[in-house]
Amino acid sequence: MKKWEMAFWTCLTMLLLVTTFSFYYILDQGVTLTYMQAGYKDTENDLDNISKIINETDLSKTQIKNKLTEHHLFSYMEFEKDTVSLEKVTLIFKDDKLFKITKEW
């Protein structure tokens, strides 16, 4: 085998390896960014809900329940207990007043 043939096959192999790795890396970054955006959206929704609760209610459980009726997880929320979970935060009540907000993770 001549030197130029060996060099050609070496370069072709390297080109294919680099192209394959680059394609995988770009695809992986796209998937990662998509999941990050979904997580940020959940966090923004919780922040919006907390802002509404703080600014538009007197922090009583019934008023907070009325404000959260638009939340897409409202049907799963249990207001009979002292804790109510949103997407990434938990509202903790004491004597039917908002006592503390904690993160779930």
Protein backbone atom coordinates (compact mmCIF):
# COMPACT_ATOMS: atom_id res chain seq x y z
CA MET A 1 0.00 0.00 0.00
CA LYS A 2 1.36 3.37 -0.95
CA LYS A 3 1.85 6.16 1.57
CA TRP A 4 -0.83 8.37 0.05
CA GLU A 5 -3.42 5.56 0.30
CA MET A 6 -2.60 5.04 3.95
CA ALA A 7 -2.80 8.79 4.58
CA PHE A 8 -6.15 8.96 2.74
CA TRP A 9 -7.74 6.18 4.81
CA THR A 10 -6.35 7.63 8.04
CA CYS A 11 -7.76 11.07 7.21
CA LEU A 12 -11.10 9.62 6.13
CA THR A 13 -11.39 7.61 9.36
CA MET A 14 -10.51 10.67 11.45
CA LEU A 15 -13.05 12.78 9.52
CA LEU A 16 -15.82 10.25 10.15
CA LEU A 17 -14.96 9.98 13.84
CA VAL A 18 -14.92 13.75 14.31
CA THR A 19 -18.20 14.14 12.37
CA THR A 20 -19.89 11.42 14.43
CA PHE A 21 -18.67 12.90 17.73
CA SER A 22 -19.75 16.41 16.68
CA PHE A 23 -23.22 15.19 15.70
CA TYR A 24 -23.62 13.41 19.05
CA TYR A 25 -22.40 16.47 20.97
CA ILE A 26 -24.81 18.83 19.19
CA LEU A 27 -27.73 16.44 19.70
CA ASP A 28 -26.87 16.03 23.38
CA GLN A 29 -26.74 19.81 23.86
CA GLY A 30 -30.16 20.19 22.23
CA VAL A 31 -31.73 17.61 24.54
CA THR A 32 -30.05 19.15 27.60
CA LEU A 33 -31.26 22.64 26.75
CA THR A 34 -34.80 21.39 26.19
CA TYR A 35 -34.94 19.80 29.64
CA MET A 36 -33.38 22.87 31.23
CA GLN A 37 -36.00 25.10 29.62
CA ALA A 38 -38.77 22.88 30.97
CA GLY A 39 -37.28 23.11 34.46
CA TYR A 40 -36.96 26.88 34.19
CA LYS A 41 -40.58 27.11 33.04
CA ASP A 42 -41.73 25.20 36.14
CA THR A 43 -39.66 27.49 38.34
CA GLU A 44 -41.06 30.61 36.64
CA ASN A 45 -44.62 29.30 37.09
CA ASP A 46 -43.99 28.77 40.79
CA LEU A 47 -42.50 32.25 41.11
CA ASP A 48 -45.52 33.77 39.35
CA ASN A 49 -47.90 31.88 41.65
CA ILE A 50 -45.99 32.90 44.77
CA SER A 51 -45.97 36.52 43.59
CA LYS A 52 -49.75 36.41 43.12
CA ILE A 53 -50.20 34.83 46.53
CA ILE A 54 -48.05 37.38 48.32
CA ASN A 55 -49.35 40.45 46.46
CA GLU A 56 -53.04 39.66 46.08
CA THR A 57 -54.05 37.77 49.23
CA ASP A 58 -53.90 38.17 52.98
CA LEU A 59 -52.05 34.80 53.07
CA SER A 60 -55.05 32.82 54.33
CA LYS A 61 -55.50 29.28 53.07
CA THR A 62 -58.90 29.94 51.46
CA GLN A 63 -57.71 32.97 49.51
CA ILE A 64 -54.59 31.11 48.38
CA LYS A 65 -56.80 28.21 47.28
CA ASN A 66 -58.92 30.63 45.25
CA LYS A 67 -55.80 32.10 43.59
CA LEU A 68 -54.46 28.65 42.71
CA THR A 69 -57.63 27.49 40.91
CA GLU A 70 -55.97 28.38 37.57
CA HIS A 71 -52.91 26.21 38.33
CA HIS A 72 -52.69 23.14 36.09
CA LEU A 73 -52.03 20.87 39.09
CA PHE A 74 -54.93 22.26 41.14
CA SER A 75 -56.91 19.01 40.95
CA TYR A 76 -54.03 17.20 42.69
CA MET A 77 -53.57 19.73 45.51
CA GLU A 78 -54.86 18.77 48.93
CA PHE A 79 -55.87 21.82 50.92
CA GLU A 80 -57.05 19.73 53.87
CA LYS A 81 -53.45 19.19 54.95
CA ASP A 82 -51.00 21.80 56.20
CA THR A 83 -48.77 21.48 53.13
CA VAL A 84 -49.64 22.21 49.51
CA SER A 85 -47.17 21.34 46.76
CA LEU A 86 -46.78 23.39 43.62
CA GLU A 87 -44.31 22.27 40.98
CA LYS A 88 -41.01 22.95 42.74
CA VAL A 89 -42.05 24.54 46.04
CA THR A 90 -44.23 23.61 48.98
CA LEU A 91 -46.51 25.99 50.83
CA ILE A 92 -46.66 25.25 54.55
CA PHE A 93 -49.63 26.54 56.55
CA LYS A 94 -49.98 27.06 60.27
CA ASP A 95 -53.38 28.00 61.73
CA ASP A 96 -54.77 28.44 58.18
CA LYS A 97 -52.18 31.13 57.38
CA LEU A 98 -49.15 30.79 55.14
CA PHE A 99 -46.25 29.99 57.45
CA LYS A 100 -43.36 29.09 55.16
CA ILE A 101 -42.44 28.36 51.56
CA THR A 102 -39.84 25.65 51.00
CA LYS A 103 -38.31 24.07 47.93
CA GLU A 104 -39.06 20.42 47.21
CA TRP A 105 -35.65 19.30 45.98
